[in-house]
Protein backbone atom coordinates (compact mmCIF):
# COMPACT_ATOMS: atom_id res chain seq x y z
CA MET A 1 0.00 0.00 0.00
CA THR A 2 1.37 3.40 -0.89
CA ILE A 3 0.49 6.98 -0.10
CA GLN A 4 -0.37 7.46 -3.80
CA VAL A 5 -3.24 5.01 -3.43
CA LEU A 6 -4.84 7.19 -0.77
CA MET A 7 -4.25 10.38 -2.72
CA ALA A 8 -5.73 8.90 -5.88
CA GLY A 9 -8.72 7.63 -3.94
CA SER A 10 -9.38 11.00 -2.34
CA ALA A 11 -11.10 12.50 -5.39
CA ARG A 12 -13.11 9.34 -5.91
CA LEU A 13 -14.21 9.32 -2.28
CA ARG A 14 -15.34 12.95 -2.41
CA GLU A 15 -17.20 12.30 -5.66
CA ASN A 16 -19.21 9.49 -4.09
CA CYS A 17 -19.73 11.21 -0.75
CA PRO A 18 -20.81 14.87 -1.08
CA MET A 19 -19.51 17.07 1.71
CA ALA A 20 -20.15 20.57 3.00
CA GLY A 21 -17.64 21.93 0.49
CA GLU A 22 -19.89 20.77 -2.38
CA VAL A 23 -23.00 22.45 -0.99
CA ASP A 24 -23.82 25.87 -2.45
CA LEU A 25 -22.76 27.64 0.74
CA VAL A 26 -23.51 31.14 -0.58
CA LYS A 27 -27.08 30.18 -1.39
CA LEU A 28 -27.42 28.31 1.90
CA ARG A 29 -26.24 31.29 3.97
CA GLU A 30 -28.55 33.59 2.03
CA HIS A 31 -31.68 31.53 2.69
CA LEU A 32 -30.79 30.71 6.30
CA LYS A 33 -30.57 34.37 7.26
CA ALA A 34 -34.29 35.23 7.48
CA PRO A 35 -35.57 32.23 9.51
CA ALA A 36 -32.52 32.17 11.80
CA GLU A 37 -32.79 35.92 12.40
CA ALA A 38 -36.50 35.61 13.17
CA PHE A 39 -35.81 32.86 15.71
CA VAL A 40 -33.07 34.83 17.47
CA THR A 41 -34.79 38.22 17.45
CA ARG A 42 -38.04 36.76 18.83
CA ALA A 43 -36.14 35.65 21.93
CA SER A 44 -36.38 37.86 24.99
CA HIS A 45 -33.58 40.36 25.70
CA LYS A 46 -32.01 37.83 28.07
CA ASP A 47 -32.16 34.91 25.67
CA PRO A 48 -30.67 35.78 22.25
CA ASP A 49 -27.41 34.09 23.26
CA ALA A 50 -29.35 30.93 24.14
CA ALA A 51 -31.17 31.14 20.80
CA CYS A 52 -27.86 31.46 18.92
CA HIS A 53 -26.46 28.53 20.90
CA HIS A 54 -29.56 26.46 20.06
CA LEU A 55 -28.97 26.99 16.34
CA GLY A 56 -25.25 26.32 16.61
CA LEU A 57 -24.23 29.91 15.92
CA PRO A 58 -21.15 31.32 17.68
CA VAL A 59 -22.06 33.41 20.71
CA LEU A 60 -20.09 36.67 20.63
CA PRO A 61 -19.47 39.10 23.53
CA TYR A 62 -22.34 41.51 24.12
CA ASP A 63 -21.77 45.17 23.16
CA GLN A 64 -23.82 47.72 25.11
CA GLY A 65 -26.54 49.24 22.94
CA THR A 66 -26.36 46.60 20.22
CA SER A 67 -29.75 45.43 18.96
CA LYS A 68 -30.63 41.76 18.78
CA ARG A 69 -30.70 41.99 14.99
CA ASP A 70 -27.17 43.43 14.90
CA ARG A 71 -25.93 40.80 17.33
CA PHE A 72 -27.45 38.08 15.18
CA SER A 73 -25.81 39.49 12.04
CA ARG A 74 -22.41 39.43 13.75
CA CYS A 75 -22.93 35.85 14.95
CA LEU A 76 -23.99 34.66 11.50
CA ALA A 77 -21.04 36.42 9.85
CA ALA A 78 -18.69 34.68 12.30
CA LEU A 79 -20.09 31.24 11.45
CA PRO A 80 -17.53 29.25 9.38
CA ASP A 81 -18.80 27.91 6.05
CA ALA A 82 -18.14 24.35 7.17
CA ASP A 83 -20.71 24.74 9.99
CA LEU A 84 -23.49 26.08 7.76
CA PRO A 85 -25.03 22.64 6.99
CA ALA A 86 -25.31 21.81 10.71
CA VAL A 87 -27.01 25.15 11.43
CA ALA A 88 -29.32 24.58 8.45
CA ALA A 89 -30.33 21.20 9.87
CA ARG A 90 -31.29 22.87 13.16
CA VAL A 91 -33.24 25.60 11.39
CA LEU A 92 -35.20 22.91 9.55
CA GLU A 93 -36.21 21.48 12.93
CA LEU A 94 -37.82 24.75 14.09
CA ASP A 95 -41.53 24.16 14.61
CA ASP A 96 -42.91 27.51 15.70
CA GLY A 97 -44.05 28.82 12.31
CA ILE A 98 -40.82 30.68 11.56
CA LEU A 99 -39.92 28.65 8.47
CA ASP A 100 -42.29 28.85 5.48
CA ALA A 101 -42.55 25.86 3.12
CA ALA A 102 -40.87 27.57 0.16
CA THR A 103 -37.79 28.56 2.18
CA ARG A 104 -37.71 25.14 3.82
CA ASN A 105 -37.63 23.46 0.40
CA VAL A 106 -34.84 25.69 -0.88
CA ILE A 107 -32.71 24.91 2.18
CA GLN A 108 -33.43 21.20 1.87
CA ASP A 109 -32.63 21.14 -1.84
CA VAL A 110 -29.30 22.88 -1.24
CA LEU A 111 -28.40 20.42 1.52
CA TRP A 112 -29.52 17.40 -0.49
CA ALA A 113 -27.87 18.43 -3.77
CA GLY A 114 -25.41 15.82 -4.97
CA GLN A 115 -26.45 13.17 -2.46
CA PRO A 116 -26.19 9.61 -3.77
CA VAL A 117 -29.72 8.82 -4.97
CA PRO A 118 -30.77 7.26 -8.28
CA GLU A 119 -31.65 9.68 -11.07
CA ILE A 120 -35.25 9.03 -12.13
CA SER A 121 -36.39 10.68 -15.36
CA GLN A 122 -39.71 12.49 -15.81
CA ARG A 123 -40.97 9.67 -18.01
CA ALA A 124 -40.13 7.12 -15.31
CA ARG A 125 -41.85 9.33 -12.73
CA ARG A 126 -45.02 9.40 -14.83
CA GLU A 127 -44.90 5.61 -15.09
CA ILE A 128 -44.44 5.38 -11.31
CA ALA A 129 -47.47 7.66 -10.81
CA GLN A 130 -49.51 5.54 -13.22
CA ALA A 131 -48.54 2.40 -11.29
CA LEU A 132 -49.53 4.14 -8.06
CA GLU A 133 -53.07 4.79 -9.34
CA PRO A 134 -54.67 1.74 -7.63
CA GLY A 135 -52.93 2.67 -4.37
CA LEU A 136 -53.82 6.37 -4.35
CA GLU A 137 -57.25 5.66 -2.91
CA ASN A 138 -55.64 3.73 -0.05
CA LEU A 139 -53.29 6.63 0.59
CA ALA A 140 -56.21 9.08 0.59
CA THR A 141 -57.96 7.01 3.25
CA GLN A 142 -55.01 7.71 5.55
CA GLY A 143 -56.31 11.30 5.79
CA ASP A 144 -54.13 13.49 7.98
CA ARG A 145 -51.14 11.14 7.66
CA PHE A 146 -51.10 11.52 3.88
CA ARG A 147 -51.74 15.28 4.15
CA ALA A 148 -48.81 15.63 6.54
CA LEU A 149 -46.52 13.86 4.05
CA LEU A 150 -47.58 16.23 1.25
CA GLU A 151 -47.05 19.23 3.54
CA ARG A 152 -43.61 17.94 4.47
CA PHE A 153 -42.28 17.77 0.92
CA TRP A 154 -44.24 20.25 -1.18
CA VAL A 155 -45.34 23.88 -1.17
CA LEU A 156 -49.11 23.66 -0.94
CA GLY A 157 -49.70 27.37 -0.46
CA ALA A 158 -52.36 29.17 1.53
CA ASN A 159 -55.09 31.41 0.14
CA PRO A 160 -57.82 31.53 2.80
CA PHE A 161 -60.01 34.11 0.99
CA GLY A 162 -59.72 32.29 -2.34
CA ASP A 163 -60.49 29.00 -0.60
CA PHE A 164 -63.57 30.51 1.05
CA PHE A 165 -65.03 32.15 -2.08
CA GLY A 166 -64.14 29.25 -4.39
CA HIS A 167 -61.68 30.97 -6.71
CA GLY A 168 -57.88 31.20 -6.68
CA LYS A 169 -57.76 28.13 -4.51
CA SER A 170 -54.51 27.09 -2.89
CA LEU A 171 -53.01 23.78 -3.93
CA ARG A 172 -53.90 22.51 -0.46
CA ALA A 173 -57.59 23.23 -1.08
CA GLN A 174 -57.44 21.69 -4.55
CA ILE A 175 -55.96 18.49 -3.14
CA ASP A 176 -58.66 18.35 -0.48
CA GLN A 177 -61.30 18.69 -3.19
CA HIS A 178 -59.90 16.44 -5.91
CA VAL A 179 -58.01 13.77 -3.91
CA PHE A 180 -59.70 13.47 -0.53
CA ASN A 181 -63.29 14.47 -1.37
CA ASN A 182 -64.16 13.90 -5.04
CA ASP A 183 -61.41 11.41 -5.92
CA ASP A 184 -61.25 12.76 -9.48
CA TRP A 185 -57.50 13.42 -9.77
CA THR A 186 -55.27 10.64 -11.00
CA ALA A 187 -51.97 9.98 -9.25
CA GLU A 188 -50.22 11.43 -12.29
CA GLU A 189 -52.25 14.66 -12.01
CA LEU A 190 -51.41 14.85 -8.31
CA PHE A 191 -47.70 14.43 -9.06
CA GLU A 192 -47.92 17.13 -11.71
CA HIS A 193 -49.64 19.66 -9.44
CA LEU A 194 -47.23 18.95 -6.60
CA GLY A 195 -44.21 19.54 -8.86
CA ALA A 196 -42.99 16.00 -8.23
CA LEU A 197 -42.33 15.36 -11.93
CA GLY A 198 -39.67 18.08 -12.08
CA ALA A 199 -38.39 18.04 -8.50
CA GLY A 200 -34.78 17.26 -7.63
CA HIS A 201 -33.84 13.59 -7.45
CA PRO A 202 -33.23 13.59 -3.66
CA ARG A 203 -36.65 15.13 -2.95
CA PHE A 204 -38.44 12.70 -5.25
CA ALA A 205 -36.66 9.70 -3.72
CA ARG A 206 -37.54 10.83 -0.20
CA PHE A 207 -41.14 11.44 -1.23
CA LEU A 208 -41.48 7.90 -2.59
CA ALA A 209 -39.94 6.49 0.59
CA GLY A 210 -42.42 8.60 2.57
CA LEU A 211 -45.36 7.18 0.62
CA VAL A 212 -44.56 3.67 1.89
CA SER A 213 -43.50 4.71 5.38
CA ALA A 214 -45.28 3.75 8.59
CA ASP A 215 -45.84 7.48 9.21
CA VAL A 216 -48.36 7.33 6.35
CA ILE A 217 -49.33 3.64 6.37
CA PRO A 218 -49.10 2.11 9.88
CA ASP A 219 -49.83 -1.34 8.46
CA GLU A 220 -46.86 -3.50 7.40
CA PRO A 221 -48.73 -5.72 4.88
CA MET A 222 -50.14 -2.60 3.22
CA GLN A 223 -46.66 -1.03 3.18
CA ARG A 224 -45.27 -4.06 1.38
CA ARG A 225 -48.17 -4.18 -1.10
CA LEU A 226 -47.51 -0.56 -2.06
CA VAL A 227 -43.78 -1.27 -2.41
CA ALA A 228 -44.66 -4.18 -4.73
CA ILE A 229 -46.79 -1.80 -6.85
CA LEU A 230 -44.06 0.84 -7.15
CA ASP A 231 -41.04 -1.42 -7.64
CA PRO A 232 -41.63 -2.58 -11.27
CA PRO A 233 -41.45 0.94 -12.82
CA LEU A 234 -38.69 1.85 -10.36
CA ARG A 235 -36.60 -1.16 -11.39
CA ALA A 236 -37.06 -0.22 -15.03
CA ALA A 237 -35.42 3.09 -14.07
CA GLY A 238 -32.56 1.33 -12.29
CA ALA A 239 -33.82 1.72 -8.72
CA GLU A 240 -35.94 0.00 -6.10
CA LEU A 241 -37.54 0.57 -2.72
CA ARG A 242 -35.27 -1.47 -0.45
CA GLU A 243 -35.87 -2.21 3.21
CA THR A 244 -32.94 -0.52 4.94
CA ASP A 245 -34.04 -0.22 8.57
CA THR A 246 -36.80 -0.80 11.09
CA ARG A 247 -38.45 1.82 13.27
CA ASP A 248 -40.99 1.20 16.02
CA GLY A 249 -41.52 -2.30 14.67
CA TYR A 250 -42.21 -1.20 11.07
CA PRO A 251 -39.93 -1.59 8.04
CA VAL A 252 -38.22 1.51 6.66
CA PHE A 253 -37.73 1.69 2.89
CA SER A 254 -35.30 3.80 0.88
CA VAL A 255 -34.95 4.36 -2.86
CA VAL A 256 -31.60 2.89 -3.89
CA SER A 257 -29.88 2.09 -7.17
CA THR A 258 -29.96 -1.45 -8.55
CA ARG A 259 -27.25 -0.80 -11.11
CA SER A 260 -24.26 -1.11 -8.81
CA GLY A 261 -23.34 -2.02 -5.29
CA HIS A 262 -24.48 -4.89 -3.09
CA ALA A 263 -28.07 -6.01 -2.74
CA ARG A 264 -28.02 -5.49 1.00
CA SER A 265 -26.10 -3.91 3.82
CA PRO A 266 -23.59 -5.97 5.83
CA ARG A 267 -25.25 -8.16 8.44
CA ALA A 268 -22.18 -8.20 10.66
CA LEU A 269 -19.38 -5.66 11.01
CA ILE A 270 -16.49 -6.89 13.13
CA PHE A 271 -13.53 -4.52 13.16
CA ALA A 272 -10.70 -2.93 15.14
CA THR A 273 -9.77 -6.39 16.38
CA ARG A 274 -6.78 -6.92 18.60
CA SER A 275 -7.47 -10.66 18.92
CA LYS A 276 -9.20 -13.29 16.82
CA PRO A 277 -12.97 -13.07 17.32
CA ASP A 278 -14.71 -15.98 18.99
CA ILE A 279 -17.68 -16.49 16.67
CA ARG A 280 -20.63 -18.87 16.82
CA PHE A 281 -23.97 -19.08 15.02
CA GLU A 282 -26.79 -17.99 17.29
CA ASP A 283 -29.38 -18.95 14.66
CA VAL A 284 -28.17 -21.07 11.73
CA LEU A 285 -31.42 -20.67 9.77
CA ASP A 286 -31.12 -16.88 9.72
CA LEU A 287 -27.30 -16.85 9.71
CA ASP A 288 -27.27 -14.76 12.89
CA ILE A 289 -23.80 -14.77 14.40
CA GLU A 290 -22.69 -13.98 17.92
CA VAL A 291 -19.28 -12.61 18.89
CA LEU A 292 -18.31 -13.85 22.34
CA ASN A 293 -15.16 -11.77 22.83
CA ASP A 294 -15.22 -8.86 25.20
CA HIS A 295 -15.79 -5.56 23.41
CA VAL A 296 -12.40 -4.27 24.52
CA ASN A 297 -10.47 -6.31 21.98
CA VAL A 298 -13.16 -6.71 19.30
CA LEU A 299 -15.63 -4.07 18.14
CA VAL A 300 -18.98 -5.08 16.64
CA TYR A 301 -21.10 -2.39 14.98
CA ASP A 302 -24.68 -3.55 15.53
CA ARG A 303 -26.77 -0.77 13.99
CA PRO A 304 -28.48 -0.78 10.56
CA ILE A 305 -26.38 0.64 7.74
CA GLY A 306 -28.54 2.63 5.34
CA PRO A 307 -28.05 3.77 1.75
CA ASP A 308 -25.62 6.51 2.84
CA GLY A 309 -23.13 3.88 4.01
CA LEU A 310 -21.37 4.05 7.37
CA ARG A 311 -20.05 7.54 8.03
CA TRP A 312 -17.76 8.74 10.78
CA ARG A 313 -20.64 10.60 12.41
CA ASP A 314 -22.63 7.32 12.59
CA LEU A 315 -19.68 5.52 14.14
CA HIS A 316 -19.14 8.44 16.53
CA THR A 317 -22.79 8.35 17.67
CA TRP A 318 -22.67 4.57 18.14
CA TRP A 319 -19.45 4.82 20.18
CA LYS A 320 -20.81 7.65 22.29
CA ASP A 321 -24.05 5.79 23.03
CA THR A 322 -22.55 2.37 23.74
CA HIS A 323 -19.88 3.81 26.05
CA GLN A 324 -22.27 6.33 27.65
CA ILE A 325 -20.00 9.26 26.89
CA THR A 326 -21.62 12.67 27.27
CA SER A 327 -18.93 14.80 25.63
CA ASP A 328 -18.60 14.85 21.84
CA ASP A 329 -14.91 15.76 22.10
CA GLU A 330 -14.19 12.89 24.48
CA ALA A 331 -16.08 10.45 22.28
CA LYS A 332 -14.14 11.62 19.22
CA ARG A 333 -10.80 11.36 21.02
CA THR A 334 -11.41 7.93 22.58
CA LEU A 335 -12.84 6.44 19.37
CA TYR A 336 -9.87 7.64 17.32
CA SER A 337 -7.49 6.24 19.92
CA ARG A 338 -9.28 2.90 20.00
CA LEU A 339 -9.16 2.54 16.21
CA LEU A 340 -5.52 3.55 16.15
CA ALA A 341 -4.70 0.99 18.86
CA SER A 342 -6.01 -1.81 16.64
CA LEU A 343 -3.45 -1.18 13.89
CA PRO A 344 -0.89 -4.01 13.75
CA LYS A 345 2.59 -3.64 15.20
CA ASN A 346 5.85 -5.50 14.58
CA HIS A 347 7.80 -7.51 17.12
CA LYS A 348 9.35 -4.29 18.43
CA GLY A 349 5.94 -2.85 19.24
CA GLU A 350 6.15 -0.34 16.38
CA TRP A 351 3.29 0.37 13.98
CA TYR A 352 3.78 -0.78 10.41
CA PRO A 353 4.31 2.48 8.45
CA ALA A 354 1.85 1.72 5.62
CA GLN A 355 -1.23 1.26 7.81
CA ARG A 356 -0.30 4.02 10.25
CA ASN A 357 0.41 6.54 7.47
CA LEU A 358 -2.83 5.76 5.65
CA PHE A 359 -4.88 6.06 8.84
CA ASP A 360 -3.30 9.39 9.78
CA LEU A 361 -3.41 10.84 6.26
CA TYR A 362 -7.05 9.94 5.71
CA HIS A 363 -8.07 12.13 8.63
CA GLN A 364 -5.52 14.86 7.89
CA LEU A 365 -6.39 15.16 4.19
CA HIS A 366 -10.13 15.39 4.75
CA GLY A 367 -9.95 17.34 8.01
CA GLN A 368 -13.26 18.98 8.95
CA HIS A 369 -15.10 16.97 6.28
CA VAL A 370 -14.40 13.62 7.96
CA PRO A 371 -17.71 13.45 9.92
CA GLY A 372 -19.65 13.32 6.63
CA LEU A 373 -17.32 10.79 4.99
CA PRO A 374 -17.26 6.99 5.26
CA ALA A 375 -15.53 5.83 8.41
CA LEU A 376 -12.12 4.26 7.77
CA LEU A 377 -12.52 0.97 9.63
CA PRO A 378 -9.26 -0.82 10.48
CA GLU A 379 -8.68 -4.57 10.87
CA VAL A 380 -12.03 -5.73 9.47
CA TRP A 381 -12.98 -9.40 9.27
CA VAL A 382 -14.30 -10.20 5.78
CA HIS A 383 -13.79 -14.01 5.75
CA TRP A 384 -14.15 -16.66 8.41
CA ASP A 385 -13.09 -20.27 8.61
CA PRO A 386 -13.07 -22.10 11.96
CA LYS A 387 -10.46 -24.56 10.67
CA THR A 388 -6.75 -23.84 10.51
CA ILE A 389 -4.90 -23.49 7.21
CA LYS A 390 -3.24 -26.84 7.89
CA ALA A 391 -6.57 -28.58 8.46
CA ARG A 392 -8.29 -26.94 5.48
CA GLY A 393 -5.42 -27.54 3.09
CA ALA A 394 -5.47 -26.10 -0.41
CA ALA A 395 -8.98 -24.64 0.05
CA ALA A 396 -7.92 -22.54 3.02
CA MET A 397 -8.60 -18.80 3.13
CA THR A 398 -5.30 -17.09 3.84
CA HIS A 399 -6.66 -13.60 4.48
CA HIS A 400 -9.50 -13.52 6.99
CA ARG A 401 -9.22 -9.82 7.69
CA MET A 402 -8.22 -6.79 5.69
CA ASP A 403 -6.37 -3.64 6.68
CA PHE A 404 -9.24 -1.20 6.11
CA LEU A 405 -12.86 -1.10 4.93
CA LEU A 406 -14.96 1.81 3.66
CA LEU A 407 -18.75 1.40 3.33
CA LEU A 408 -19.71 4.00 0.72
CA PRO A 409 -23.16 5.26 -0.31
CA GLY A 410 -25.13 3.10 -2.69
CA GLY A 411 -23.92 -0.19 -1.22
CA HIS A 412 -20.32 0.15 -2.46
CA ARG A 413 -17.64 -1.48 -0.36
CA VAL A 414 -13.98 -0.58 -0.69
CA VAL A 415 -11.46 -2.92 0.92
CA LEU A 416 -7.94 -1.59 1.36
CA GLY A 417 -5.05 -4.03 1.64
CA ARG A 418 -1.30 -3.66 1.59
CA VAL A 419 -1.01 -3.95 -2.16
CA ARG A 420 -4.52 -3.46 -3.50
CA TRP A 421 -7.69 -1.43 -3.45
CA ILE A 422 -10.74 -3.60 -4.16
CA THR A 423 -14.20 -2.18 -4.89
CA MET A 424 -16.89 -4.70 -3.98
């Protein structure tokens, strides 16, 4: 393994995993200003600092006679570009009427731009809507659940006087009339009025996943029937609704590409091993394995891995939760140290330069972007054979574990070894 391998892979990694640097930060800052300012300036005179802290804005020293609006402007100007996406995520969580739907959608679209979702053409979207036609009536029977989904993704507008007098109706009122009351809009017409046919790929993918979610359909058999209806036109477009998680006992589906990557996420992730794992099958029929080692010498990531892959921030959250660490800085420091400690050493107790250099350079090269990138997992077990090489003979697997593993978006797996880079 050479340093050139890591350098060459850097551009490829960034291409597959969009980071804050690829977000239109100028546009994001511009559209964050109004809702963030409204949130801060509505706070009492004693609380603007708390409001800034809540949003993740830097809290600057108070200058006598400075208005809350001026203080907010200074705090926003002091916010580094790299922190804008995190502040945007907190603004999107505001629920006190500060954020209108149009601004919300602009912020979301900027944040979602370039994320790894399948590109689905307008023609394919029309075919998906046509396939949905038999299921639209079932969705409409969900009432407020279906309405809430439409409100969450689309700008439905509000025209109370037009709604009352019957002219210039808002899209919300038209949907109530033609979808929920009269049932005289087709699914394709609904998609067209919503703007779903021309929406960005990330928004459309999330909308489809929302249609089959338990938030809209709290009935697993009905969820799966709707997935079965939508999957044929989706597969023709090179995508599918794949079960990627469970929540509150219900399956969670995501739109993922079928053109590359693995059909499913890893079932077991055993890494950062300082001793050979003691493995047994807990359930042979379901291929459920159990690792009996203590979690000091062997780490087992036991959370679902979604279509975004396994990112450092996911690993950080898992480490923080499982070790009951309250400080983000402490969790970051101890996790990094634990991963570093698993790198192999020679008989003198010195790290092998190749692995140590790659591990250090990965984090140095990507710096502040690392939380949004795939976690670089050291000493990962990818093969397992309970028999020794001598007992297995010519059929023996000689490499049970690899130096590093990256789980990229879209189901891509990159295994890094001393002399090769393998995309799986």
